């Protein structure tokens, strides 16, 4: 994807989280939705690093085994 694509995805994700948090009326939903949106890339990063560590591969080597 590269740096430009990652920045675009991050910006769209942040804008979507803010939009959803602002539209909902209940406070519980407005706090959980942005966290769930942010949890997707965080979980993907954790799983990719764990898979590379368990496979004894370098952390910063490129591959196509993740989103």
PDB file of N, CA and C in Angstrom:
ATOM      1  N   UNK A   1       0.828  -1.172   0.000  1.00  0.00           N
ATOM      2  CA  UNK A   1       0.000   0.000   0.000  1.00  0.00           C
ATOM      3  C   UNK A   1       0.881   1.247   0.000  1.00  0.00           C
ATOM      4  N   UNK A   2       1.928   1.258   0.768  1.00  0.00           N
ATOM      5  CA  UNK A   2       2.809   2.411   0.815  1.00  0.00           C
ATOM      6  C   UNK A   2       2.366   3.440   1.842  1.00  0.00           C
ATOM      7  N   UNK A   3       3.181   4.467   1.959  1.00  0.00           N
ATOM      8  CA  UNK A   3       2.909   5.511   2.952  1.00  0.00           C
ATOM      9  C   UNK A   3       1.658   6.321   2.614  1.00  0.00           C
ATOM     10  N   UNK A   4       1.487   6.664   1.359  1.00  0.00           N
ATOM     11  CA  UNK A   4       0.330   7.480   0.979  1.00  0.00           C
ATOM     12  C   UNK A   4      -0.981   6.753   1.215  1.00  0.00           C
ATOM     13  N   UNK A   5      -1.033   5.485   0.874  1.00  0.00           N
ATOM     14  CA  UNK A   5      -2.249   4.711   1.095  1.00  0.00           C
ATOM     15  C   UNK A   5      -2.537   4.517   2.577  1.00  0.00           C
ATOM     16  N   UNK A   6      -1.486   4.278   3.369  1.00  0.00           N
ATOM     17  CA  UNK A   6      -1.674   4.101   4.813  1.00  0.00           C
ATOM     18  C   UNK A   6      -2.157   5.396   5.464  1.00  0.00           C
ATOM     19  N   UNK A   7      -1.637   6.515   5.022  1.00  0.00           N
ATOM     20  CA  UNK A   7      -2.099   7.795   5.558  1.00  0.00           C
ATOM     21  C   UNK A   7      -3.553   8.057   5.189  1.00  0.00           C
ATOM     22  N   UNK A   8      -3.927   7.715   3.977  1.00  0.00           N
ATOM     23  CA  UNK A   8      -5.319   7.888   3.555  1.00  0.00           C
ATOM     24  C   UNK A   8      -6.252   6.997   4.370  1.00  0.00           C
ATOM     25  N   UNK A   9      -5.882   5.745   4.545  1.00  0.00           N
ATOM     26  CA  UNK A   9      -6.713   4.827   5.326  1.00  0.00           C
ATOM     27  C   UNK A   9      -6.826   5.303   6.767  1.00  0.00           C
ATOM     28  N   UNK A  10      -5.734   5.781   7.352  1.00  0.00           N
ATOM     29  CA  UNK A  10      -5.772   6.291   8.717  1.00  0.00           C
ATOM     30  C   UNK A  10      -6.641   7.524   8.849  1.00  0.00           C
ATOM     31  N   UNK A  11      -6.555   8.419   7.889  1.00  0.00           N
ATOM     32  CA  UNK A  11      -7.358   9.641   7.913  1.00  0.00           C
ATOM     33  C   UNK A  11      -8.846   9.321   7.764  1.00  0.00           C
ATOM     34  N   UNK A  12      -9.176   8.422   6.855  1.00  0.00           N
ATOM     35  CA  UNK A  12     -10.574   8.038   6.666  1.00  0.00           C
ATOM     36  C   UNK A  12     -11.104   7.319   7.902  1.00  0.00           C
ATOM     37  N   UNK A  13     -10.287   6.454   8.509  1.00  0.00           N
ATOM     38  CA  UNK A  13     -10.703   5.761   9.728  1.00  0.00           C
ATOM     39  C   UNK A  13     -10.952   6.717  10.875  1.00  0.00           C
ATOM     40  N   UNK A  14     -10.088   7.706  11.039  1.00  0.00           N
ATOM     41  CA  UNK A  14     -10.263   8.696  12.102  1.00  0.00           C
ATOM     42  C   UNK A  14     -11.503   9.546  11.849  1.00  0.00           C
ATOM     43  N   UNK A  15     -11.702   9.971  10.609  1.00  0.00           N
ATOM     44  CA  UNK A  15     -12.884  10.779  10.288  1.00  0.00           C
ATOM     45  C   UNK A  15     -14.162   9.980  10.499  1.00  0.00           C
ATOM     46  N   UNK A  16     -14.149   8.707  10.123  1.00  0.00           N
ATOM     47  CA  UNK A  16     -15.317   7.859  10.333  1.00  0.00           C
ATOM     48  C   UNK A  16     -15.597   7.672  11.819  1.00  0.00           C
ATOM     49  N   UNK A  17     -14.571   7.481  12.614  1.00  0.00           N
ATOM     50  CA  UNK A  17     -14.760   7.318  14.063  1.00  0.00           C
ATOM     51  C   UNK A  17     -15.354   8.577  14.673  1.00  0.00           C
ATOM     52  N   UNK A  18     -14.865   9.732  14.267  1.00  0.00           N
ATOM     53  CA  UNK A  18     -15.411  10.983  14.791  1.00  0.00           C
ATOM     54  C   UNK A  18     -16.846  11.211  14.339  1.00  0.00           C
ATOM     55  N   UNK A  19     -17.134  10.883  13.099  1.00  0.00           N
ATOM     56  CA  UNK A  19     -18.487  11.052  12.573  1.00  0.00           C
ATOM     57  C   UNK A  19     -19.482  10.151  13.305  1.00  0.00           C
ATOM     58  N   UNK A  20     -19.119   8.906  13.498  1.00  0.00           N
ATOM     59  CA  UNK A  20     -20.011   7.970  14.185  1.00  0.00           C
ATOM     60  C   UNK A  20     -20.182   8.369  15.638  1.00  0.00           C
ATOM     61  N   UNK A  21     -19.114   8.801  16.288  1.00  0.00           N
ATOM     62  CA  UNK A  21     -19.201   9.197  17.696  1.00  0.00           C
ATOM     63  C   UNK A  21     -20.067  10.435  17.868  1.00  0.00           C
ATOM     64  N   UNK A  22     -20.090  11.279  16.888  1.00  0.00           N
ATOM     65  CA  UNK A  22     -20.859  12.513  16.988  1.00  0.00           C
ATOM     66  C   UNK A  22     -22.344  12.301  16.696  1.00  0.00           C
ATOM     67  N   UNK A  23     -22.669  11.335  15.848  1.00  0.00           N
ATOM     68  CA  UNK A  23     -24.048  11.114  15.427  1.00  0.00           C
ATOM     69  C   UNK A  23     -24.855  10.365  16.485  1.00  0.00           C
ATOM     70  N   UNK A  24     -24.227   9.429  17.177  1.00  0.00           N
ATOM     71  CA  UNK A  24     -24.985   8.599  18.117  1.00  0.00           C
ATOM     72  C   UNK A  24     -25.422   9.411  19.330  1.00  0.00           C
ATOM     73  N   UNK A  25     -26.540   9.014  19.892  1.00  0.00           N
ATOM     74  CA  UNK A  25     -27.094   9.717  21.049  1.00  0.00           C
ATOM     75  C   UNK A  25     -26.628   9.134  22.370  1.00  0.00           C
ATOM     76  N   UNK A  26     -26.429   7.830  22.403  1.00  0.00           N
ATOM     77  CA  UNK A  26     -26.048   7.209  23.668  1.00  0.00           C
ATOM     78  C   UNK A  26     -24.550   7.322  23.873  1.00  0.00           C
ATOM     79  N   UNK A  27     -24.161   7.559  25.091  1.00  0.00           N
ATOM     80  CA  UNK A  27     -22.754   7.762  25.406  1.00  0.00           C
ATOM     81  C   UNK A  27     -21.948   6.475  25.279  1.00  0.00           C
ATOM     82  N   UNK A  28     -22.528   5.337  25.632  1.00  0.00           N
ATOM     83  CA  UNK A  28     -21.810   4.070  25.557  1.00  0.00           C
ATOM     84  C   UNK A  28     -21.434   3.743  24.118  1.00  0.00           C
ATOM     85  N   UNK A  29     -22.354   3.963  23.205  1.00  0.00           N
ATOM     86  CA  UNK A  29     -22.064   3.687  21.798  1.00  0.00           C
ATOM     87  C   UNK A  29     -21.033   4.669  21.274  1.00  0.00           C
ATOM     88  N   UNK A  30     -21.123   5.919  21.667  1.00  0.00           N
ATOM     89  CA  UNK A  30     -20.203   6.917  21.138  1.00  0.00           C
ATOM     90  C   UNK A  30     -18.776   6.694  21.627  1.00  0.00           C
ATOM     91  N   UNK A  31     -18.600   6.006  22.729  1.00  0.00           N
ATOM     92  CA  UNK A  31     -17.245   5.703  23.196  1.00  0.00           C
ATOM     93  C   UNK A  31     -16.702   4.411  22.607  1.00  0.00           C
ATOM     94  N   UNK A  32     -17.566   3.437  22.357  1.00  0.00           N
ATOM     95  CA  UNK A  32     -17.105   2.138  21.893  1.00  0.00           C
ATOM     96  C   UNK A  32     -16.851   2.069  20.393  1.00  0.00           C
ATOM     97  N   UNK A  33     -17.588   2.773  19.617  1.00  0.00           N
ATOM     98  CA  UNK A  33     -17.439   2.676  18.162  1.00  0.00           C
ATOM     99  C   UNK A  33     -16.063   3.155  17.691  1.00  0.00           C
ATOM    100  N   UNK A  34     -15.555   4.303  18.137  1.00  0.00           N
ATOM    101  CA  UNK A  34     -14.206   4.685  17.713  1.00  0.00           C
ATOM    102  C   UNK A  34     -13.135   3.693  18.178  1.00  0.00           C
ATOM    103  N   UNK A  35     -13.326   3.103  19.354  1.00  0.00           N
ATOM    104  CA  UNK A  35     -12.370   2.105  19.829  1.00  0.00           C
ATOM    105  C   UNK A  35     -12.409   0.846  18.968  1.00  0.00           C
ATOM    106  N   UNK A  36     -13.590   0.443  18.546  1.00  0.00           N
ATOM    107  CA  UNK A  36     -13.688  -0.715  17.662  1.00  0.00           C
ATOM    108  C   UNK A  36     -13.078  -0.446  16.291  1.00  0.00           C
ATOM    109  N   UNK A  37     -13.256   0.764  15.787  1.00  0.00           N
ATOM    110  CA  UNK A  37     -12.655   1.119  14.505  1.00  0.00           C
ATOM    111  C   UNK A  37     -11.133   1.118  14.610  1.00  0.00           C
ATOM    112  N   UNK A  38     -10.609   1.628  15.718  1.00  0.00           N
ATOM    113  CA  UNK A  38      -9.158   1.660  15.914  1.00  0.00           C
ATOM    114  C   UNK A  38      -8.597   0.285  16.249  1.00  0.00           C
ATOM    115  N   UNK A  39      -9.427  -0.624  16.736  1.00  0.00           N
ATOM    116  CA  UNK A  39      -8.954  -1.950  17.123  1.00  0.00           C
ATOM    117  C   UNK A  39      -8.585  -2.812  15.915  1.00  0.00           C
ATOM    118  N   UNK A  40      -9.178  -2.556  14.781  1.00  0.00           N
ATOM    119  CA  UNK A  40      -8.892  -3.373  13.595  1.00  0.00           C
ATOM    120  C   UNK A  40      -7.431  -3.246  13.164  1.00  0.00           C
ATOM    121  N   UNK A  41      -6.897  -2.044  12.919  1.00  0.00           N
ATOM    122  CA  UNK A  41      -5.480  -1.981  12.542  1.00  0.00           C
ATOM    123  C   UNK A  41      -4.540  -2.360  13.684  1.00  0.00           C
ATOM    124  N   UNK A  42      -4.940  -2.100  14.929  1.00  0.00           N
ATOM    125  CA  UNK A  42      -4.086  -2.476  16.055  1.00  0.00           C
ATOM    126  C   UNK A  42      -3.983  -3.993  16.167  1.00  0.00           C
ATOM    127  N   UNK A  43      -5.092  -4.691  16.017  1.00  0.00           N
ATOM    128  CA  UNK A  43      -5.072  -6.153  16.077  1.00  0.00           C
ATOM    129  C   UNK A  43      -4.297  -6.735  14.903  1.00  0.00           C
ATOM    130  N   UNK A  44      -4.446  -6.152  13.732  1.00  0.00           N
ATOM    131  CA  UNK A  44      -3.715  -6.632  12.559  1.00  0.00           C
ATOM    132  C   UNK A  44      -2.209  -6.460  12.748  1.00  0.00           C
ATOM    133  N   UNK A  45      -1.797  -5.346  13.321  1.00  0.00           N
ATOM    134  CA  UNK A  45      -0.376  -5.116  13.585  1.00  0.00           C
ATOM    135  C   UNK A  45       0.150  -6.117  14.597  1.00  0.00           C
ATOM    136  N   UNK A  46      -0.590  -6.325  15.673  1.00  0.00           N
ATOM    137  CA  UNK A  46      -0.166  -7.284  16.703  1.00  0.00           C
ATOM    138  C   UNK A  46      -0.051  -8.694  16.128  1.00  0.00           C
ATOM    139  N   UNK A  47      -1.047  -9.125  15.364  1.00  0.00           N
ATOM    140  CA  UNK A  47      -1.018 -10.470  14.799  1.00  0.00           C
ATOM    141  C   UNK A  47       0.107 -10.649  13.780  1.00  0.00           C
ATOM    142  N   UNK A  48       0.384  -9.629  12.994  1.00  0.00           N
ATOM    143  CA  UNK A  48       1.479  -9.708  12.034  1.00  0.00           C
ATOM    144  C   UNK A  48       2.821  -9.821  12.742  1.00  0.00           C
ATOM    145  N   UNK A  49       3.039  -9.004  13.764  1.00  0.00           N
ATOM    146  CA  UNK A  49       4.298  -9.076  14.511  1.00  0.00           C
ATOM    147  C   UNK A  49       4.437 -10.407  15.245  1.00  0.00           C
ATOM    148  N   UNK A  50       3.350 -10.908  15.808  1.00  0.00           N
ATOM    149  CA  UNK A  50       3.408 -12.198  16.501  1.00  0.00           C
ATOM    150  C   UNK A  50       3.718 -13.329  15.521  1.00  0.00           C
ATOM    151  N   UNK A  51       3.085 -13.306  14.349  1.00  0.00           N
ATOM    152  CA  UNK A  51       3.341 -14.336  13.351  1.00  0.00           C
ATOM    153  C   UNK A  51       4.791 -14.307  12.882  1.00  0.00           C
ATOM    154  N   UNK A  52       5.342 -13.106  12.697  1.00  0.00           N
ATOM    155  CA  UNK A  52       6.736 -12.999  12.277  1.00  0.00           C
ATOM    156  C   UNK A  52       7.689 -13.447  13.390  1.00  0.00           C
ATOM    157  N   UNK A  53       7.359 -13.113  14.634  1.00  0.00           N
ATOM    158  CA  UNK A  53       8.224 -13.502  15.751  1.00  0.00           C
ATOM    159  C   UNK A  53       8.218 -15.021  15.922  1.00  0.00           C
ATOM    160  N   UNK A  54       7.026 -15.636  15.850  1.00  0.00           N
ATOM    161  CA  UNK A  54       6.939 -17.090  15.993  1.00  0.00           C
ATOM    162  C   UNK A  54       7.565 -17.821  14.813  1.00  0.00           C
ATOM    163  N   UNK A  55       7.541 -17.212  13.653  1.00  0.00           N
ATOM    164  CA  UNK A  55       8.144 -17.809  12.473  1.00  0.00           C
ATOM    165  C   UNK A  55       9.613 -17.489  12.312  1.00  0.00           C
ATOM    166  N   UNK A  56      10.183 -16.769  13.276  1.00  0.00           N
ATOM    167  CA  UNK A  56      11.602 -16.398  13.266  1.00  0.00           C
ATOM    168  C   UNK A  56      11.974 -15.624  11.990  1.00  0.00           C
ATOM    169  N   UNK A  57      11.088 -14.700  11.610  1.00  0.00           N
ATOM    170  CA  UNK A  57      11.332 -13.844  10.451  1.00  0.00           C
ATOM    171  C   UNK A  57      11.559 -12.418  10.930  1.00  0.00           C
ATOM    172  N   UNK A  58      12.259 -11.606  10.147  1.00  0.00           N
ATOM    173  CA  UNK A  58      12.485 -10.215  10.569  1.00  0.00           C
ATOM    174  C   UNK A  58      11.184  -9.420  10.613  1.00  0.00           C
ATOM    175  N   UNK A  59      11.085  -8.515  11.585  1.00  0.00           N
ATOM    176  CA  UNK A  59       9.870  -7.714  11.767  1.00  0.00           C
ATOM    177  C   UNK A  59       9.618  -6.766  10.607  1.00  0.00           C
ATOM    178  N   UNK A  60      10.651  -6.213  10.039  1.00  0.00           N
ATOM    179  CA  UNK A  60      10.485  -5.156   9.045  1.00  0.00           C
ATOM    180  C   UNK A  60      10.630  -5.669   7.609  1.00  0.00           C
ATOM    181  N   UNK A  61      10.629  -6.965   7.408  1.00  0.00           N
ATOM    182  CA  UNK A  61      10.688  -7.519   6.048  1.00  0.00           C
ATOM    183  C   UNK A  61       9.286  -7.475   5.432  1.00  0.00           C
ATOM    184  N   UNK A  62       9.171  -7.079   4.169  1.00  0.00           N
ATOM    185  CA  UNK A  62       7.840  -7.016   3.550  1.00  0.00           C
ATOM    186  C   UNK A  62       7.295  -8.418   3.257  1.00  0.00           C
ATOM    187  N   UNK A  63       5.989  -8.544   3.305  1.00  0.00           N
ATOM    188  CA  UNK A  63       5.312  -9.755   2.899  1.00  0.00           C
ATOM    189  C   UNK A  63       3.878  -9.421   2.523  1.00  0.00           C
ATOM    190  N   UNK A  64       3.148 -10.408   2.067  1.00  0.00           N
ATOM    191  CA  UNK A  64       1.751 -10.208   1.657  1.00  0.00           C
ATOM    192  C   UNK A  64       0.789 -11.023   2.514  1.00  0.00           C
ATOM    193  N   UNK A  65       1.197 -11.336   3.733  1.00  0.00           N
ATOM    194  CA  UNK A  65       0.389 -12.200   4.594  1.00  0.00           C
ATOM    195  C   UNK A  65      -0.456 -11.405   5.576  1.00  0.00           C
ATOM    196  N   UNK A  66      -0.717 -10.157   5.283  1.00  0.00           N
ATOM    197  CA  UNK A  66      -1.567  -9.349   6.158  1.00  0.00           C
ATOM    198  C   UNK A  66      -2.428  -8.426   5.313  1.00  0.00           C
ATOM    199  N   UNK A  67      -3.304  -7.658   5.975  1.00  0.00           N
ATOM    200  CA  UNK A  67      -4.230  -6.801   5.217  1.00  0.00           C
ATOM    201  C   UNK A  67      -3.428  -5.887   4.365  1.00  0.00           C
TER     202      UNK A  67
END
